[in-house]
């Protein structure tokens, strides 16, 4: 048997992978940007929890809050603070 069918299968798999990467480029970039922003906001939440104790304001340092802040940004911080105030 010749090794040609194995090469054809690998080439076909490579083409399918390239097509999938081209189709999913924008959603993957959006998810990567969301993950980066959420990790930055998670660090901000950790700092805010330390400083917020002095002022009397606190937010939980968790993934849900970080994702809300990653999507909404600074208005999300106001939203979370108002939501916490309204639920007390």
C-alpha atoms as a PDB file:
ATOM      1  CA  UNK A   1       0.000   0.000   0.000  1.00  0.00           C
ATOM      2  CA  UNK A   2       1.166   3.480  -0.699  1.00  0.00           C
ATOM      3  CA  UNK A   3       1.214   6.160   2.007  1.00  0.00           C
ATOM      4  CA  UNK A   4      -0.765   8.582  -0.165  1.00  0.00           C
ATOM      5  CA  UNK A   5      -4.206   8.146   1.513  1.00  0.00           C
ATOM      6  CA  UNK A   6      -2.706   9.102   4.890  1.00  0.00           C
ATOM      7  CA  UNK A   7      -1.315  12.329   3.458  1.00  0.00           C
ATOM      8  CA  UNK A   8      -4.616  13.138   1.817  1.00  0.00           C
ATOM      9  CA  UNK A   9      -6.427  12.692   5.133  1.00  0.00           C
ATOM     10  CA  UNK A  10      -3.947  14.971   6.931  1.00  0.00           C
ATOM     11  CA  UNK A  11      -4.218  17.597   4.195  1.00  0.00           C
ATOM     12  CA  UNK A  12      -8.003  17.459   4.341  1.00  0.00           C
ATOM     13  CA  UNK A  13      -7.928  17.788   8.142  1.00  0.00           C
ATOM     14  CA  UNK A  14      -5.593  20.792   7.806  1.00  0.00           C
ATOM     15  CA  UNK A  15      -7.931  22.441   5.315  1.00  0.00           C
ATOM     16  CA  UNK A  16     -10.923  21.882   7.583  1.00  0.00           C
ATOM     17  CA  UNK A  17      -8.980  23.363  10.511  1.00  0.00           C
ATOM     18  CA  UNK A  18      -8.009  26.424   8.451  1.00  0.00           C
ATOM     19  CA  UNK A  19     -11.614  26.905   7.334  1.00  0.00           C
ATOM     20  CA  UNK A  20     -12.840  26.642  10.932  1.00  0.00           C
ATOM     21  CA  UNK A  21     -10.265  29.207  12.082  1.00  0.00           C
ATOM     22  CA  UNK A  22     -11.321  31.595   9.332  1.00  0.00           C
ATOM     23  CA  UNK A  23     -14.990  31.225  10.221  1.00  0.00           C
ATOM     24  CA  UNK A  24     -14.437  31.579  13.959  1.00  0.00           C
ATOM     25  CA  UNK A  25     -11.869  34.370  13.852  1.00  0.00           C
ATOM     26  CA  UNK A  26     -14.207  37.131  15.019  1.00  0.00           C
ATOM     27  CA  UNK A  27     -15.955  35.180  17.793  1.00  0.00           C
ATOM     28  CA  UNK A  28     -12.611  33.870  19.038  1.00  0.00           C
ATOM     29  CA  UNK A  29     -11.164  37.386  19.086  1.00  0.00           C
ATOM     30  CA  UNK A  30     -14.253  38.642  20.923  1.00  0.00           C
ATOM     31  CA  UNK A  31     -13.960  35.870  23.522  1.00  0.00           C
ATOM     32  CA  UNK A  32     -10.252  36.541  23.954  1.00  0.00           C
ATOM     33  CA  UNK A  33     -10.929  40.257  24.437  1.00  0.00           C
ATOM     34  CA  UNK A  34     -13.696  39.443  26.951  1.00  0.00           C
ATOM     35  CA  UNK A  35     -11.375  37.132  28.881  1.00  0.00           C
ATOM     36  CA  UNK A  36      -8.677  39.805  28.979  1.00  0.00           C
ATOM     37  CA  UNK A  37     -11.064  42.536  30.112  1.00  0.00           C
ATOM     38  CA  UNK A  38     -12.641  40.250  32.708  1.00  0.00           C
ATOM     39  CA  UNK A  39      -9.256  39.340  34.161  1.00  0.00           C
ATOM     40  CA  UNK A  40      -8.333  43.015  34.432  1.00  0.00           C
ATOM     41  CA  UNK A  41     -11.646  43.776  36.125  1.00  0.00           C
ATOM     42  CA  UNK A  42     -11.143  40.816  38.457  1.00  0.00           C
ATOM     43  CA  UNK A  43      -7.907  42.437  39.607  1.00  0.00           C
ATOM     44  CA  UNK A  44      -9.718  45.771  39.986  1.00  0.00           C
ATOM     45  CA  UNK A  45     -12.396  44.040  42.076  1.00  0.00           C
ATOM     46  CA  UNK A  46      -9.720  42.554  44.314  1.00  0.00           C
ATOM     47  CA  UNK A  47      -8.211  46.004  44.857  1.00  0.00           C
ATOM     48  CA  UNK A  48     -11.668  47.541  45.292  1.00  0.00           C
ATOM     49  CA  UNK A  49     -12.544  45.012  47.972  1.00  0.00           C
ATOM     50  CA  UNK A  50      -9.468  46.060  49.950  1.00  0.00           C
ATOM     51  CA  UNK A  51     -10.115  49.790  49.594  1.00  0.00           C
ATOM     52  CA  UNK A  52     -13.890  49.452  49.816  1.00  0.00           C
ATOM     53  CA  UNK A  53     -13.661  48.195  53.383  1.00  0.00           C
ATOM     54  CA  UNK A  54     -12.441  51.624  54.444  1.00  0.00           C
ATOM     55  CA  UNK A  55     -15.375  53.345  52.749  1.00  0.00           C
ATOM     56  CA  UNK A  56     -17.963  50.717  53.631  1.00  0.00           C
ATOM     57  CA  UNK A  57     -18.621  49.505  50.086  1.00  0.00           C
ATOM     58  CA  UNK A  58     -17.883  45.963  49.069  1.00  0.00           C
ATOM     59  CA  UNK A  59     -18.449  43.755  46.052  1.00  0.00           C
ATOM     60  CA  UNK A  60     -17.774  40.072  45.796  1.00  0.00           C
ATOM     61  CA  UNK A  61     -14.652  39.081  43.921  1.00  0.00           C
ATOM     62  CA  UNK A  62     -16.051  36.389  41.663  1.00  0.00           C
ATOM     63  CA  UNK A  63     -16.287  35.433  38.013  1.00  0.00           C
ATOM     64  CA  UNK A  64     -19.856  36.664  37.521  1.00  0.00           C
ATOM     65  CA  UNK A  65     -19.000  40.179  38.685  1.00  0.00           C
ATOM     66  CA  UNK A  66     -15.837  40.145  36.570  1.00  0.00           C
ATOM     67  CA  UNK A  67     -17.798  39.074  33.483  1.00  0.00           C
ATOM     68  CA  UNK A  68     -20.409  41.789  34.043  1.00  0.00           C
ATOM     69  CA  UNK A  69     -17.636  44.345  34.355  1.00  0.00           C
ATOM     70  CA  UNK A  70     -15.799  42.870  31.365  1.00  0.00           C
ATOM     71  CA  UNK A  71     -18.864  43.333  29.182  1.00  0.00           C
ATOM     72  CA  UNK A  72     -20.179  46.641  30.547  1.00  0.00           C
ATOM     73  CA  UNK A  73     -17.054  48.327  31.903  1.00  0.00           C
ATOM     74  CA  UNK A  74     -17.388  51.232  34.336  1.00  0.00           C
ATOM     75  CA  UNK A  75     -21.201  51.466  33.971  1.00  0.00           C
ATOM     76  CA  UNK A  76     -21.280  47.825  35.055  1.00  0.00           C
ATOM     77  CA  UNK A  77     -19.526  48.807  38.275  1.00  0.00           C
ATOM     78  CA  UNK A  78     -22.270  51.326  38.957  1.00  0.00           C
ATOM     79  CA  UNK A  79     -24.871  48.716  38.085  1.00  0.00           C
ATOM     80  CA  UNK A  80     -23.393  46.177  40.495  1.00  0.00           C
ATOM     81  CA  UNK A  81     -23.133  48.758  43.266  1.00  0.00           C
ATOM     82  CA  UNK A  82     -26.745  49.895  42.747  1.00  0.00           C
ATOM     83  CA  UNK A  83     -27.924  46.273  42.611  1.00  0.00           C
ATOM     84  CA  UNK A  84     -26.171  45.502  45.876  1.00  0.00           C
ATOM     85  CA  UNK A  85     -27.649  48.657  47.455  1.00  0.00           C
ATOM     86  CA  UNK A  86     -31.150  47.786  46.216  1.00  0.00           C
ATOM     87  CA  UNK A  87     -30.987  44.212  47.538  1.00  0.00           C
ATOM     88  CA  UNK A  88     -29.940  45.248  51.063  1.00  0.00           C
END
